[in-house]
Each structure stands twice: as C-alpha cells, then as structure tokens.
Amino acid sequence: MKSALWALVVLVSIALTLWGLWLTLFLFGYQDALDREMAGHDLILLGAVASAAAATWARLGHHGWPVTLAVAAPALLVGLTDLAAGGSLLPHLGGLVAVPAAFTGLLVGLFGAPGAEFSEAEGNRHV
C-alpha cells in the first residue's frame, strides 16, 4: 500500500510538472497569455513540491540514492530553474531530462533494478 501511495505522489509530480510546462510554453501569441503563464508557474511549483516530497519519502523508505535523485529531478531541474529563469526555455530543457528520470526512478523504486536481488528478510533490494 505504501508503494502505491508513493507511486501516486511521483505520478502526480510528473503530471503537474508537465501541465505547468505546457502552460508556460508559448509558440504563438495567446489572448490570455499572462493568466496562462501564472497558472503554469504555480503548477510547476506544486509539481516541484510533490517531487521533493516523493524524493524524501523514497529516501526514508530505504530506496537507494539513484532512485531518490531520479525522483527529485523535476524539483531540481524544472522547479529551481523556473524560479531562477521562469521566462526562458531553461525549465523546459530541464523537463526533457527530469521527466524521464523521474519515471525511471518510479519504475526502479517499484520493481527494482534489472539484476537486483530481493532480500525478504530486510525488505529491500540490493544491487
């Protein structure tokens, strides 16, 4: 049950980050551009908070550092760059790396790395 809730937090983090990135990406002029951009930045911030929460939960849940850092990637690469340079494409470029990394961290956190041995006595995976 805990793994399912953790996976849900990671998926919500990814969804909020992608939705925020979509709203802040302007290729053409929009009539409500300012409202759309502000909502996008808010969603990116919420996605970064969810990503940080999922990374903290992963570390406290005895996942390894690779899973923790992969799940924290949206907060680090998208959230921080959006705060520092929100009007540029840097958060979007960070999203190209962060979203696949978070999804990979989710899969490895749920199913383990290929070739990892599972120890039922300890309840975690060893590579």
N, C-alpha and C. Protein backbone atom coordinates (compact mmCIF):
# COMPACT_ATOMS: atom_id res chain seq x y z
N MET A 1 0.81 -1.19 0.00
CA MET A 1 0.00 0.00 0.00
C MET A 1 0.86 1.26 0.00
N LYS A 2 1.95 1.24 0.79
CA LYS A 2 2.83 2.40 0.84
C LYS A 2 3.48 2.65 -0.52
N SER A 3 3.83 1.56 -1.20
CA SER A 3 4.45 1.72 -2.52
C SER A 3 3.48 2.34 -3.52
N ALA A 4 2.21 1.97 -3.42
CA ALA A 4 1.21 2.53 -4.32
C ALA A 4 1.01 4.02 -4.06
N LEU A 5 0.98 4.41 -2.80
CA LEU A 5 0.84 5.83 -2.48
C LEU A 5 2.06 6.62 -2.93
N TRP A 6 3.24 6.04 -2.73
CA TRP A 6 4.47 6.71 -3.18
C TRP A 6 4.45 6.87 -4.70
N ALA A 7 4.05 5.81 -5.40
CA ALA A 7 3.98 5.87 -6.86
C ALA A 7 2.97 6.93 -7.31
N LEU A 8 1.87 7.06 -6.58
CA LEU A 8 0.87 8.07 -6.91
C LEU A 8 1.44 9.48 -6.73
N VAL A 9 2.21 9.70 -5.68
CA VAL A 9 2.83 11.01 -5.46
C VAL A 9 3.81 11.33 -6.60
N VAL A 10 4.58 10.33 -7.02
CA VAL A 10 5.52 10.54 -8.12
C VAL A 10 4.77 10.85 -9.41
N LEU A 11 3.70 10.13 -9.69
CA LEU A 11 2.93 10.38 -10.91
C LEU A 11 2.25 11.74 -10.88
N VAL A 12 1.75 12.15 -9.72
CA VAL A 12 1.15 13.48 -9.59
C VAL A 12 2.22 14.55 -9.82
N SER A 13 3.41 14.32 -9.29
CA SER A 13 4.52 15.25 -9.51
C SER A 13 4.84 15.40 -10.99
N ILE A 14 4.91 14.29 -11.69
CA ILE A 14 5.21 14.32 -13.12
C ILE A 14 4.08 15.03 -13.88
N ALA A 15 2.83 14.70 -13.55
CA ALA A 15 1.69 15.31 -14.24
C ALA A 15 1.62 16.82 -14.02
N LEU A 16 1.81 17.26 -12.78
CA LEU A 16 1.78 18.70 -12.51
C LEU A 16 2.91 19.43 -13.21
N THR A 17 4.09 18.82 -13.22
CA THR A 17 5.23 19.43 -13.89
C THR A 17 4.98 19.55 -15.39
N LEU A 18 4.50 18.49 -16.01
CA LEU A 18 4.23 18.53 -17.45
C LEU A 18 3.12 19.53 -17.79
N TRP A 19 2.08 19.58 -16.98
CA TRP A 19 0.99 20.52 -17.22
C TRP A 19 1.48 21.96 -17.08
N GLY A 20 2.30 22.21 -16.07
CA GLY A 20 2.85 23.56 -15.90
C GLY A 20 3.78 23.94 -17.03
N LEU A 21 4.59 23.00 -17.49
CA LEU A 21 5.48 23.29 -18.62
C LEU A 21 4.66 23.58 -19.88
N TRP A 22 3.58 22.85 -20.06
CA TRP A 22 2.73 23.08 -21.22
C TRP A 22 2.11 24.48 -21.19
N LEU A 23 1.67 24.90 -20.02
CA LEU A 23 1.03 26.21 -19.93
C LEU A 23 2.02 27.36 -20.07
N THR A 24 3.29 27.14 -19.77
CA THR A 24 4.27 28.21 -19.89
C THR A 24 5.00 28.21 -21.23
N LEU A 25 4.70 27.27 -22.08
CA LEU A 25 5.34 27.20 -23.40
C LEU A 25 4.51 28.02 -24.38
N PHE A 26 5.10 29.08 -24.92
CA PHE A 26 4.40 29.95 -25.85
C PHE A 26 5.10 29.91 -27.21
N LEU A 27 4.45 29.31 -28.16
CA LEU A 27 4.97 29.33 -29.52
C LEU A 27 4.23 30.37 -30.36
N PHE A 28 3.02 30.67 -29.97
CA PHE A 28 2.21 31.67 -30.65
C PHE A 28 1.59 32.58 -29.60
N GLY A 29 1.13 33.72 -30.00
CA GLY A 29 0.51 34.65 -29.05
C GLY A 29 -0.85 34.15 -28.60
N TYR A 30 -1.11 34.25 -27.31
CA TYR A 30 -2.41 33.89 -26.75
C TYR A 30 -3.04 35.13 -26.15
N GLN A 31 -4.35 35.18 -26.18
CA GLN A 31 -5.04 36.33 -25.65
C GLN A 31 -4.90 36.39 -24.12
N ASP A 32 -4.96 35.27 -23.47
CA ASP A 32 -4.86 35.21 -22.01
C ASP A 32 -3.48 34.70 -21.58
N ALA A 33 -2.44 35.22 -22.21
CA ALA A 33 -1.09 34.70 -22.00
C ALA A 33 -0.61 34.88 -20.57
N LEU A 34 -0.89 36.01 -19.95
CA LEU A 34 -0.40 36.24 -18.59
C LEU A 34 -1.06 35.31 -17.59
N ASP A 35 -2.37 35.13 -17.69
CA ASP A 35 -3.06 34.21 -16.78
C ASP A 35 -2.57 32.78 -16.97
N ARG A 36 -2.38 32.40 -18.22
CA ARG A 36 -1.91 31.05 -18.52
C ARG A 36 -0.50 30.84 -17.98
N GLU A 37 0.37 31.83 -18.15
CA GLU A 37 1.74 31.70 -17.67
C GLU A 37 1.79 31.62 -16.14
N MET A 38 1.01 32.45 -15.46
CA MET A 38 1.00 32.42 -14.00
C MET A 38 0.49 31.08 -13.47
N ALA A 39 -0.54 30.54 -14.09
CA ALA A 39 -1.05 29.22 -13.69
C ALA A 39 0.00 28.15 -13.94
N GLY A 40 0.73 28.26 -15.05
CA GLY A 40 1.78 27.30 -15.35
C GLY A 40 2.90 27.32 -14.32
N HIS A 41 3.32 28.51 -13.91
CA HIS A 41 4.37 28.60 -12.89
C HIS A 41 3.90 28.04 -11.55
N ASP A 42 2.64 28.27 -11.22
CA ASP A 42 2.09 27.70 -9.99
C ASP A 42 2.07 26.17 -10.05
N LEU A 43 1.70 25.61 -11.20
CA LEU A 43 1.68 24.16 -11.33
C LEU A 43 3.09 23.57 -11.29
N ILE A 44 4.05 24.27 -11.87
CA ILE A 44 5.43 23.80 -11.79
C ILE A 44 5.90 23.80 -10.35
N LEU A 45 5.55 24.82 -9.59
CA LEU A 45 5.92 24.87 -8.18
C LEU A 45 5.26 23.73 -7.40
N LEU A 46 3.99 23.47 -7.64
CA LEU A 46 3.32 22.35 -6.98
C LEU A 46 3.95 21.02 -7.36
N GLY A 47 4.32 20.86 -8.63
CA GLY A 47 5.00 19.64 -9.06
C GLY A 47 6.35 19.48 -8.40
N ALA A 48 7.06 20.59 -8.21
CA ALA A 48 8.36 20.53 -7.54
C ALA A 48 8.21 20.14 -6.07
N VAL A 49 7.19 20.66 -5.42
CA VAL A 49 6.94 20.30 -4.02
C VAL A 49 6.58 18.81 -3.92
N ALA A 50 5.73 18.33 -4.82
CA ALA A 50 5.37 16.91 -4.82
C ALA A 50 6.59 16.04 -5.13
N SER A 51 7.45 16.50 -6.01
CA SER A 51 8.66 15.76 -6.35
C SER A 51 9.61 15.69 -5.15
N ALA A 52 9.76 16.81 -4.45
CA ALA A 52 10.61 16.82 -3.25
C ALA A 52 10.04 15.92 -2.17
N ALA A 53 8.72 15.93 -2.02
CA ALA A 53 8.08 15.05 -1.03
C ALA A 53 8.28 13.58 -1.40
N ALA A 54 8.14 13.26 -2.67
CA ALA A 54 8.34 11.88 -3.11
C ALA A 54 9.79 11.44 -2.94
N ALA A 55 10.73 12.35 -3.18
CA ALA A 55 12.14 12.02 -3.01
C ALA A 55 12.47 11.80 -1.53
N THR A 56 11.90 12.63 -0.66
CA THR A 56 12.11 12.44 0.78
C THR A 56 11.51 11.12 1.24
N TRP A 57 10.33 10.80 0.75
CA TRP A 57 9.68 9.55 1.09
C TRP A 57 10.50 8.37 0.56
N ALA A 58 11.06 8.50 -0.63
CA ALA A 58 11.89 7.43 -1.19
C ALA A 58 13.13 7.19 -0.33
N ARG A 59 13.74 8.26 0.12
CA ARG A 59 14.95 8.11 0.94
C ARG A 59 14.62 7.53 2.30
N LEU A 60 13.52 7.98 2.91
CA LEU A 60 13.11 7.42 4.20
C LEU A 60 12.61 5.99 4.07
N GLY A 61 12.14 5.63 2.88
CA GLY A 61 11.67 4.28 2.61
C GLY A 61 12.78 3.34 2.21
N HIS A 62 14.01 3.74 2.42
CA HIS A 62 15.20 2.91 2.18
C HIS A 62 15.44 2.58 0.72
N HIS A 63 14.99 3.47 -0.16
CA HIS A 63 15.40 3.35 -1.55
C HIS A 63 16.80 3.91 -1.66
N GLY A 64 17.52 3.50 -2.67
CA GLY A 64 18.88 3.99 -2.84
C GLY A 64 18.92 5.43 -3.32
N TRP A 65 20.12 5.98 -3.30
CA TRP A 65 20.31 7.36 -3.76
C TRP A 65 19.94 7.54 -5.22
N PRO A 66 20.20 6.58 -6.10
CA PRO A 66 19.80 6.80 -7.50
C PRO A 66 18.29 7.00 -7.66
N VAL A 67 17.48 6.23 -6.95
CA VAL A 67 16.02 6.40 -7.03
C VAL A 67 15.63 7.74 -6.44
N THR A 68 16.23 8.11 -5.32
CA THR A 68 15.90 9.38 -4.67
C THR A 68 16.22 10.56 -5.58
N LEU A 69 17.40 10.55 -6.17
CA LEU A 69 17.78 11.66 -7.05
C LEU A 69 16.96 11.69 -8.33
N ALA A 70 16.63 10.51 -8.85
CA ALA A 70 15.82 10.47 -10.07
C ALA A 70 14.42 11.03 -9.81
N VAL A 71 13.84 10.69 -8.66
CA VAL A 71 12.51 11.19 -8.33
C VAL A 71 12.57 12.69 -8.01
N ALA A 72 13.69 13.16 -7.50
CA ALA A 72 13.84 14.59 -7.18
C ALA A 72 14.18 15.43 -8.40
N ALA A 73 14.44 14.83 -9.53
CA ALA A 73 14.87 15.56 -10.72
C ALA A 73 13.89 16.66 -11.15
N PRO A 74 12.57 16.44 -11.14
CA PRO A 74 11.68 17.56 -11.51
C PRO A 74 11.81 18.76 -10.57
N ALA A 75 12.00 18.51 -9.30
CA ALA A 75 12.16 19.64 -8.36
C ALA A 75 13.47 20.37 -8.62
N LEU A 76 14.52 19.60 -8.89
CA LEU A 76 15.83 20.21 -9.06
C LEU A 76 16.01 20.86 -10.43
N LEU A 77 15.61 20.16 -11.48
CA LEU A 77 15.88 20.65 -12.83
C LEU A 77 14.79 21.55 -13.40
N VAL A 78 13.56 21.37 -12.96
CA VAL A 78 12.47 22.19 -13.50
C VAL A 78 12.06 23.25 -12.49
N GLY A 79 11.81 22.85 -11.26
CA GLY A 79 11.34 23.79 -10.25
C GLY A 79 12.32 24.90 -9.95
N LEU A 80 13.58 24.54 -9.73
CA LEU A 80 14.59 25.56 -9.42
C LEU A 80 14.88 26.46 -10.61
N THR A 81 14.95 25.89 -11.81
CA THR A 81 15.20 26.73 -12.98
C THR A 81 14.00 27.62 -13.29
N ASP A 82 12.79 27.16 -12.96
CA ASP A 82 11.63 28.01 -13.17
C ASP A 82 11.65 29.19 -12.19
N LEU A 83 12.11 28.96 -10.97
CA LEU A 83 12.22 30.06 -10.02
C LEU A 83 13.32 31.04 -10.44
N ALA A 84 14.42 30.51 -10.98
CA ALA A 84 15.56 31.36 -11.33
C ALA A 84 15.37 32.05 -12.69
N ALA A 85 14.84 31.34 -13.66
CA ALA A 85 14.71 31.88 -15.02
C ALA A 85 13.38 31.45 -15.62
N GLY A 86 12.30 31.90 -15.01
CA GLY A 86 10.97 31.45 -15.42
C GLY A 86 10.55 31.85 -16.81
N GLY A 87 11.06 32.94 -17.32
CA GLY A 87 10.65 33.41 -18.63
C GLY A 87 11.42 32.79 -19.79
N SER A 88 12.35 31.91 -19.50
CA SER A 88 13.17 31.32 -20.55
C SER A 88 12.73 29.88 -20.82
N LEU A 89 13.45 29.25 -21.71
CA LEU A 89 13.17 27.84 -22.01
C LEU A 89 13.98 26.87 -21.15
N LEU A 90 14.74 27.38 -20.19
CA LEU A 90 15.55 26.50 -19.34
C LEU A 90 14.71 25.49 -18.57
N PRO A 91 13.56 25.86 -17.98
CA PRO A 91 12.76 24.83 -17.32
C PRO A 91 12.27 23.75 -18.28
N HIS A 92 11.99 24.13 -19.52
CA HIS A 92 11.54 23.14 -20.50
C HIS A 92 12.67 22.20 -20.89
N LEU A 93 13.87 22.74 -21.02
CA LEU A 93 15.03 21.88 -21.31
C LEU A 93 15.32 20.96 -20.14
N GLY A 94 15.17 21.47 -18.92
CA GLY A 94 15.33 20.61 -17.75
C GLY A 94 14.27 19.52 -17.70
N GLY A 95 13.07 19.84 -18.17
CA GLY A 95 12.00 18.85 -18.21
C GLY A 95 12.28 17.70 -19.16
N LEU A 96 13.06 17.98 -20.20
CA LEU A 96 13.42 16.90 -21.13
C LEU A 96 14.25 15.82 -20.45
N VAL A 97 14.97 16.19 -19.42
CA VAL A 97 15.79 15.23 -18.67
C VAL A 97 15.05 14.76 -17.42
N ALA A 98 14.37 15.68 -16.74
CA ALA A 98 13.79 15.39 -15.43
C ALA A 98 12.61 14.44 -15.49
N VAL A 99 11.73 14.59 -16.45
CA VAL A 99 10.53 13.76 -16.50
C VAL A 99 10.88 12.30 -16.80
N PRO A 100 11.71 11.99 -17.79
CA PRO A 100 12.11 10.59 -17.96
C PRO A 100 12.89 10.03 -16.77
N ALA A 101 13.70 10.87 -16.13
CA ALA A 101 14.44 10.42 -14.96
C ALA A 101 13.48 10.07 -13.82
N ALA A 102 12.47 10.90 -13.60
CA ALA A 102 11.51 10.62 -12.53
C ALA A 102 10.71 9.36 -12.82
N PHE A 103 10.33 9.17 -14.08
CA PHE A 103 9.59 7.95 -14.43
C PHE A 103 10.47 6.71 -14.26
N THR A 104 11.74 6.83 -14.63
CA THR A 104 12.68 5.72 -14.44
C THR A 104 12.87 5.43 -12.95
N GLY A 105 13.00 6.49 -12.15
CA GLY A 105 13.11 6.31 -10.71
C GLY A 105 11.88 5.64 -10.13
N LEU A 106 10.70 5.99 -10.65
CA LEU A 106 9.47 5.34 -10.22
C LEU A 106 9.50 3.85 -10.51
N LEU A 107 9.86 3.50 -11.73
CA LEU A 107 9.90 2.07 -12.10
C LEU A 107 10.94 1.29 -11.30
N VAL A 108 12.12 1.87 -11.13
CA VAL A 108 13.16 1.19 -10.35
C VAL A 108 12.76 1.09 -8.88
N GLY A 109 12.11 2.12 -8.36
CA GLY A 109 11.65 2.08 -6.98
C GLY A 109 10.57 1.05 -6.74
N LEU A 110 9.73 0.84 -7.74
CA LEU A 110 8.66 -0.16 -7.58
C LEU A 110 9.12 -1.58 -7.87
N PHE A 111 9.88 -1.75 -8.93
CA PHE A 111 10.21 -3.09 -9.38
C PHE A 111 11.66 -3.47 -9.19
N GLY A 112 12.51 -2.55 -8.84
CA GLY A 112 13.93 -2.84 -8.65
C GLY A 112 14.70 -2.74 -9.95
N ALA A 113 16.00 -2.60 -9.81
CA ALA A 113 16.88 -2.51 -10.97
C ALA A 113 17.02 -3.90 -11.59
N PRO A 114 17.24 -3.96 -12.90
CA PRO A 114 17.47 -5.27 -13.52
C PRO A 114 18.69 -5.94 -12.91
N GLY A 115 18.53 -7.19 -12.52
CA GLY A 115 19.62 -7.93 -11.91
C GLY A 115 19.75 -7.73 -10.41
N ALA A 116 18.84 -6.95 -9.81
CA ALA A 116 18.91 -6.72 -8.36
C ALA A 116 18.31 -7.92 -7.63
N GLU A 117 18.91 -8.25 -6.51
CA GLU A 117 18.42 -9.34 -5.69
C GLU A 117 17.52 -8.78 -4.61
N PHE A 118 16.43 -9.49 -4.33
CA PHE A 118 15.49 -9.02 -3.32
C PHE A 118 15.66 -9.84 -2.06
N SER A 119 15.86 -9.18 -0.95
CA SER A 119 16.01 -9.84 0.34
C SER A 119 14.73 -9.61 1.13
N GLU A 120 13.95 -10.68 1.32
CA GLU A 120 12.69 -10.53 2.04
C GLU A 120 12.91 -10.27 3.51
N ALA A 121 14.02 -10.75 4.05
CA ALA A 121 14.29 -10.53 5.46
C ALA A 121 14.51 -9.05 5.74
N GLU A 122 15.20 -8.36 4.84
CA GLU A 122 15.47 -6.93 5.03
C GLU A 122 14.42 -6.06 4.38
N GLY A 123 13.68 -6.60 3.41
CA GLY A 123 12.61 -5.84 2.79
C GLY A 123 13.06 -4.84 1.75
N ASN A 124 14.29 -4.95 1.25
CA ASN A 124 14.73 -4.02 0.21
C ASN A 124 15.60 -4.73 -0.80
N ARG A 125 15.91 -4.03 -1.85
CA ARG A 125 16.67 -4.62 -2.95
C ARG A 125 18.14 -4.26 -2.85
N HIS A 126 18.98 -5.19 -3.25
CA HIS A 126 20.41 -4.96 -3.26
C HIS A 126 20.92 -5.15 -4.67
N VAL A 127 21.75 -4.24 -5.10
CA VAL A 127 22.32 -4.35 -6.45
C VAL A 127 23.69 -4.98 -6.35
